[in-house]
C-alpha atoms as a PDB file:
ATOM      1  CA  UNK A   1      74.436 100.466  49.678  1.00  0.00           C
ATOM      2  CA  UNK A   2      70.340 102.141  50.077  1.00  0.00           C
ATOM      3  CA  UNK A   3      68.438 101.610  53.521  1.00  0.00           C
ATOM      4  CA  UNK A   4      65.490 103.462  55.429  1.00  0.00           C
ATOM      5  CA  UNK A   5      65.361 104.580  58.780  1.00  0.00           C
ATOM      6  CA  UNK A   6      63.096 106.021  61.007  1.00  0.00           C
ATOM      7  CA  UNK A   7      63.607 108.225  64.039  1.00  0.00           C
ATOM      8  CA  UNK A   8      61.153 108.770  66.606  1.00  0.00           C
ATOM      9  CA  UNK A   9      61.396 111.775  69.109  1.00  0.00           C
ATOM     10  CA  UNK A  10      59.406 113.633  72.090  1.00  0.00           C
ATOM     11  CA  UNK A  11      60.287 116.619  70.422  1.00  0.00           C
ATOM     12  CA  UNK A  12      58.066 118.135  67.977  1.00  0.00           C
ATOM     13  CA  UNK A  13      58.957 118.600  64.534  1.00  0.00           C
ATOM     14  CA  UNK A  14      60.673 122.055  65.182  1.00  0.00           C
ATOM     15  CA  UNK A  15      62.140 121.138  67.606  1.00  0.00           C
ATOM     16  CA  UNK A  16      63.534 118.263  65.920  1.00  0.00           C
ATOM     17  CA  UNK A  17      64.283 120.968  63.007  1.00  0.00           C
ATOM     18  CA  UNK A  18      66.190 123.015  65.018  1.00  0.00           C
ATOM     19  CA  UNK A  19      68.417 119.915  66.361  1.00  0.00           C
ATOM     20  CA  UNK A  20      68.954 118.773  63.034  1.00  0.00           C
ATOM     21  CA  UNK A  21      69.565 122.306  62.062  1.00  0.00           C
ATOM     22  CA  UNK A  22      72.873 121.999  64.804  1.00  0.00           C
ATOM     23  CA  UNK A  23      74.768 119.219  63.704  1.00  0.00           C
ATOM     24  CA  UNK A  24      74.519 120.996  60.425  1.00  0.00           C
ATOM     25  CA  UNK A  25      76.776 123.514  58.626  1.00  0.00           C
ATOM     26  CA  UNK A  26      76.456 125.079  55.301  1.00  0.00           C
ATOM     27  CA  UNK A  27      78.142 123.169  52.596  1.00  0.00           C
ATOM     28  CA  UNK A  28      81.874 124.626  52.298  1.00  0.00           C
ATOM     29  CA  UNK A  29      83.966 125.816  48.858  1.00  0.00           C
ATOM     30  CA  UNK A  30      86.105 122.562  47.868  1.00  0.00           C
ATOM     31  CA  UNK A  31      89.056 124.772  48.511  1.00  0.00           C
ATOM     32  CA  UNK A  32      88.040 127.260  50.671  1.00  0.00           C
ATOM     33  CA  UNK A  33      90.282 127.123  54.393  1.00  0.00           C
ATOM     34  CA  UNK A  34      88.581 125.442  56.557  1.00  0.00           C
ATOM     35  CA  UNK A  35      87.081 126.608  59.771  1.00  0.00           C
ATOM     36  CA  UNK A  36      87.204 125.366  62.450  1.00  0.00           C
ATOM     37  CA  UNK A  37      83.014 124.129  63.145  1.00  0.00           C
ATOM     38  CA  UNK A  38      82.700 121.373  65.347  1.00  0.00           C
ATOM     39  CA  UNK A  39      79.188 120.596  63.667  1.00  0.00           C
ATOM     40  CA  UNK A  40      79.502 116.611  62.290  1.00  0.00           C
ATOM     41  CA  UNK A  41      77.447 117.033  59.194  1.00  0.00           C
ATOM     42  CA  UNK A  42      77.648 119.159  55.946  1.00  0.00           C
ATOM     43  CA  UNK A  43      74.450 120.020  53.897  1.00  0.00           C
ATOM     44  CA  UNK A  44      70.995 121.499  54.791  1.00  0.00           C
ATOM     45  CA  UNK A  45      67.993 121.306  56.656  1.00  0.00           C
ATOM     46  CA  UNK A  46      65.298 123.395  55.891  1.00  0.00           C
ATOM     47  CA  UNK A  47      60.845 123.130  55.934  1.00  0.00           C
ATOM     48  CA  UNK A  48      61.173 119.566  56.958  1.00  0.00           C
ATOM     49  CA  UNK A  49      63.624 118.141  55.055  1.00  0.00           C
ATOM     50  CA  UNK A  50      67.147 117.656  54.751  1.00  0.00           C
ATOM     51  CA  UNK A  51      70.429 116.035  53.055  1.00  0.00           C
ATOM     52  CA  UNK A  52      73.666 116.057  54.124  1.00  0.00           C
ATOM     53  CA  UNK A  53      76.796 114.149  55.062  1.00  0.00           C
ATOM     54  CA  UNK A  54      79.201 113.089  57.608  1.00  0.00           C
ATOM     55  CA  UNK A  55      82.428 115.454  57.436  1.00  0.00           C
ATOM     56  CA  UNK A  56      84.948 113.775  56.884  1.00  0.00           C
ATOM     57  CA  UNK A  57      89.058 115.339  56.696  1.00  0.00           C
ATOM     58  CA  UNK A  58      90.870 112.788  54.935  1.00  0.00           C
ATOM     59  CA  UNK A  59      89.440 111.565  51.593  1.00  0.00           C
ATOM     60  CA  UNK A  60      86.602 108.973  50.883  1.00  0.00           C
ATOM     61  CA  UNK A  61      84.219 109.118  48.457  1.00  0.00           C
ATOM     62  CA  UNK A  62      81.635 107.138  50.193  1.00  0.00           C
ATOM     63  CA  UNK A  63      80.884 108.787  52.376  1.00  0.00           C
ATOM     64  CA  UNK A  64      77.147 108.640  53.339  1.00  0.00           C
ATOM     65  CA  UNK A  65      74.405 110.956  51.888  1.00  0.00           C
ATOM     66  CA  UNK A  66      71.666 111.049  54.478  1.00  0.00           C
ATOM     67  CA  UNK A  67      68.691 112.262  53.276  1.00  0.00           C
ATOM     68  CA  UNK A  68      64.740 112.302  54.674  1.00  0.00           C
ATOM     69  CA  UNK A  69      61.831 114.719  56.394  1.00  0.00           C
ATOM     70  CA  UNK A  70      60.633 115.432  59.463  1.00  0.00           C
ATOM     71  CA  UNK A  71      57.100 115.799  60.381  1.00  0.00           C
ATOM     72  CA  UNK A  72      55.063 115.752  63.620  1.00  0.00           C
ATOM     73  CA  UNK A  73      53.855 111.973  64.911  1.00  0.00           C
ATOM     74  CA  UNK A  74      51.601 111.079  68.135  1.00  0.00           C
ATOM     75  CA  UNK A  75      54.156 111.594  70.516  1.00  0.00           C
ATOM     76  CA  UNK A  76      56.120 113.325  68.911  1.00  0.00           C
ATOM     77  CA  UNK A  77      58.697 114.027  65.737  1.00  0.00           C
ATOM     78  CA  UNK A  78      59.287 111.530  63.762  1.00  0.00           C
ATOM     79  CA  UNK A  79      62.362 111.924  61.261  1.00  0.00           C
ATOM     80  CA  UNK A  80      62.108 109.626  58.886  1.00  0.00           C
ATOM     81  CA  UNK A  81      63.887 109.416  55.330  1.00  0.00           C
ATOM     82  CA  UNK A  82      67.562 106.653  54.085  1.00  0.00           C
ATOM     83  CA  UNK A  83      71.107 106.955  53.439  1.00  0.00           C
ATOM     84  CA  UNK A  84      72.502 105.874  50.529  1.00  0.00           C
ATOM     85  CA  UNK A  85      76.216 106.194  48.514  1.00  0.00           C
ATOM     86  CA  UNK A  86      77.056 109.517  46.429  1.00  0.00           C
ATOM     87  CA  UNK A  87      75.981 109.329  42.865  1.00  0.00           C
ATOM     88  CA  UNK A  88      79.446 109.484  41.933  1.00  0.00           C
ATOM     89  CA  UNK A  89      80.574 106.603  43.196  1.00  0.00           C
ATOM     90  CA  UNK A  90      77.700 104.624  42.455  1.00  0.00           C
ATOM     91  CA  UNK A  91      78.048 105.142  39.381  1.00  0.00           C
ATOM     92  CA  UNK A  92      82.586 104.526  39.371  1.00  0.00           C
ATOM     93  CA  UNK A  93      81.562 101.313  41.487  1.00  0.00           C
ATOM     94  CA  UNK A  94      79.576 100.042  38.989  1.00  0.00           C
ATOM     95  CA  UNK A  95      81.727 100.533  35.891  1.00  0.00           C
ATOM     96  CA  UNK A  96      84.494  99.309  37.905  1.00  0.00           C
ATOM     97  CA  UNK A  97      82.442  95.886  38.435  1.00  0.00           C
ATOM     98  CA  UNK A  98      80.989  95.615  35.426  1.00  0.00           C
ATOM     99  CA  UNK A  99      84.680  96.070  33.994  1.00  0.00           C
ATOM    100  CA  UNK A 100      85.982  93.570  36.509  1.00  0.00           C
ATOM    101  CA  UNK A 101      83.683  90.670  35.976  1.00  0.00           C
ATOM    102  CA  UNK A 102      83.525  90.523  32.232  1.00  0.00           C
ATOM    103  CA  UNK A 103      87.644  91.207  32.415  1.00  0.00           C
ATOM    104  CA  UNK A 104      87.876  88.010  34.905  1.00  0.00           C
ATOM    105  CA  UNK A 105      84.800  86.378  32.729  1.00  0.00           C
ATOM    106  CA  UNK A 106      86.866  86.681  30.023  1.00  0.00           C
ATOM    107  CA  UNK A 107      91.316  86.927  31.602  1.00  0.00           C
ATOM    108  CA  UNK A 108      90.327  83.883  33.734  1.00  0.00           C
ATOM    109  CA  UNK A 109      89.897  80.548  31.573  1.00  0.00           C
ATOM    110  CA  UNK A 110      93.269  81.694  29.677  1.00  0.00           C
ATOM    111  CA  UNK A 111      95.034  81.863  32.868  1.00  0.00           C
ATOM    112  CA  UNK A 112      93.564  78.330  34.287  1.00  0.00           C
ATOM    113  CA  UNK A 113      94.929  76.646  31.244  1.00  0.00           C
ATOM    114  CA  UNK A 114      98.523  78.312  31.169  1.00  0.00           C
ATOM    115  CA  UNK A 115      97.833  77.395  35.357  1.00  0.00           C
ATOM    116  CA  UNK A 116      99.199  80.620  36.455  1.00  0.00           C
ATOM    117  CA  UNK A 117      97.769  80.500  39.721  1.00  0.00           C
ATOM    118  CA  UNK A 118      98.642  84.236  40.371  1.00  0.00           C
ATOM    119  CA  UNK A 119      96.666  85.671  37.489  1.00  0.00           C
ATOM    120  CA  UNK A 120      93.286  83.143  38.390  1.00  0.00           C
ATOM    121  CA  UNK A 121      94.227  85.277  41.872  1.00  0.00           C
ATOM    122  CA  UNK A 122      94.837  88.584  41.138  1.00  0.00           C
ATOM    123  CA  UNK A 123      91.565  88.640  38.125  1.00  0.00           C
ATOM    124  CA  UNK A 124      89.398  86.623  40.958  1.00  0.00           C
ATOM    125  CA  UNK A 125      89.687  89.467  43.654  1.00  0.00           C
ATOM    126  CA  UNK A 126      89.253  92.333  41.347  1.00  0.00           C
ATOM    127  CA  UNK A 127      85.664  92.417  42.276  1.00  0.00           C
ATOM    128  CA  UNK A 128      85.834  91.368  45.515  1.00  0.00           C
ATOM    129  CA  UNK A 129      88.359  94.999  46.001  1.00  0.00           C
ATOM    130  CA  UNK A 130      85.706  96.579  44.967  1.00  0.00           C
ATOM    131  CA  UNK A 131      83.476  95.432  47.771  1.00  0.00           C
ATOM    132  CA  UNK A 132      85.917  95.627  50.654  1.00  0.00           C
ATOM    133  CA  UNK A 133      86.642  99.168  49.550  1.00  0.00           C
ATOM    134  CA  UNK A 134      82.943 100.470  50.005  1.00  0.00           C
ATOM    135  CA  UNK A 135      82.327  97.939  53.186  1.00  0.00           C
ATOM    136  CA  UNK A 136      85.439  99.540  54.656  1.00  0.00           C
ATOM    137  CA  UNK A 137      84.171 103.678  53.355  1.00  0.00           C
ATOM    138  CA  UNK A 138      80.602 103.181  53.746  1.00  0.00           C
ATOM    139  CA  UNK A 139      79.510 101.262  56.123  1.00  0.00           C
ATOM    140  CA  UNK A 140      81.257 102.988  59.753  1.00  0.00           C
ATOM    141  CA  UNK A 141      80.656 106.163  58.486  1.00  0.00           C
ATOM    142  CA  UNK A 142      76.658 105.389  58.219  1.00  0.00           C
ATOM    143  CA  UNK A 143      76.393 103.652  60.911  1.00  0.00           C
ATOM    144  CA  UNK A 144      78.338 106.539  63.052  1.00  0.00           C
ATOM    145  CA  UNK A 145      75.939 109.704  61.354  1.00  0.00           C
ATOM    146  CA  UNK A 146      73.406 107.425  62.448  1.00  0.00           C
ATOM    147  CA  UNK A 147      74.645 106.851  66.231  1.00  0.00           C
ATOM    148  CA  UNK A 148      74.741 110.729  66.042  1.00  0.00           C
ATOM    149  CA  UNK A 149      71.808 111.357  64.662  1.00  0.00           C
ATOM    150  CA  UNK A 150      69.364 108.775  67.026  1.00  0.00           C
ATOM    151  CA  UNK A 151      72.026 110.292  70.050  1.00  0.00           C
ATOM    152  CA  UNK A 152      70.615 113.992  69.791  1.00  0.00           C
ATOM    153  CA  UNK A 153      67.166 113.521  69.148  1.00  0.00           C
ATOM    154  CA  UNK A 154      66.593 111.042  71.807  1.00  0.00           C
ATOM    155  CA  UNK A 155      69.169 113.382  74.680  1.00  0.00           C
ATOM    156  CA  UNK A 156      66.317 115.826  75.328  1.00  0.00           C
END
């Protein structure tokens, strides 16, 4: 759940940072009323560095965190960074996976000896469920965020 990216643009580093600033709104208090704001990300952009997440109206703890810097390159600015899972989601999934793998390793032989196919399948699918949960919550939002970022920087 960690991947690096690099986006080259013809914009200067100052202009590229301004474009990023137009995409990112400041973080809102958790239970504050939602003010209308069309910007797709929430976070911060300052001094050539940025850290933001996509805005999501539903419940998705697996939204990617986008972190990086804007630097001046040869023909314009270069935006370099990485995307990752939020720390809380990474810790949760790590613990979930460890518990389910150990549970499956200790419980599968018991269910297998009893001939309980439902128990075998159920325990075997718990770690798979975690992977599907991450994949469904993280990857589509990561793709969307990278597309929005790339399109905004390449537009001018």
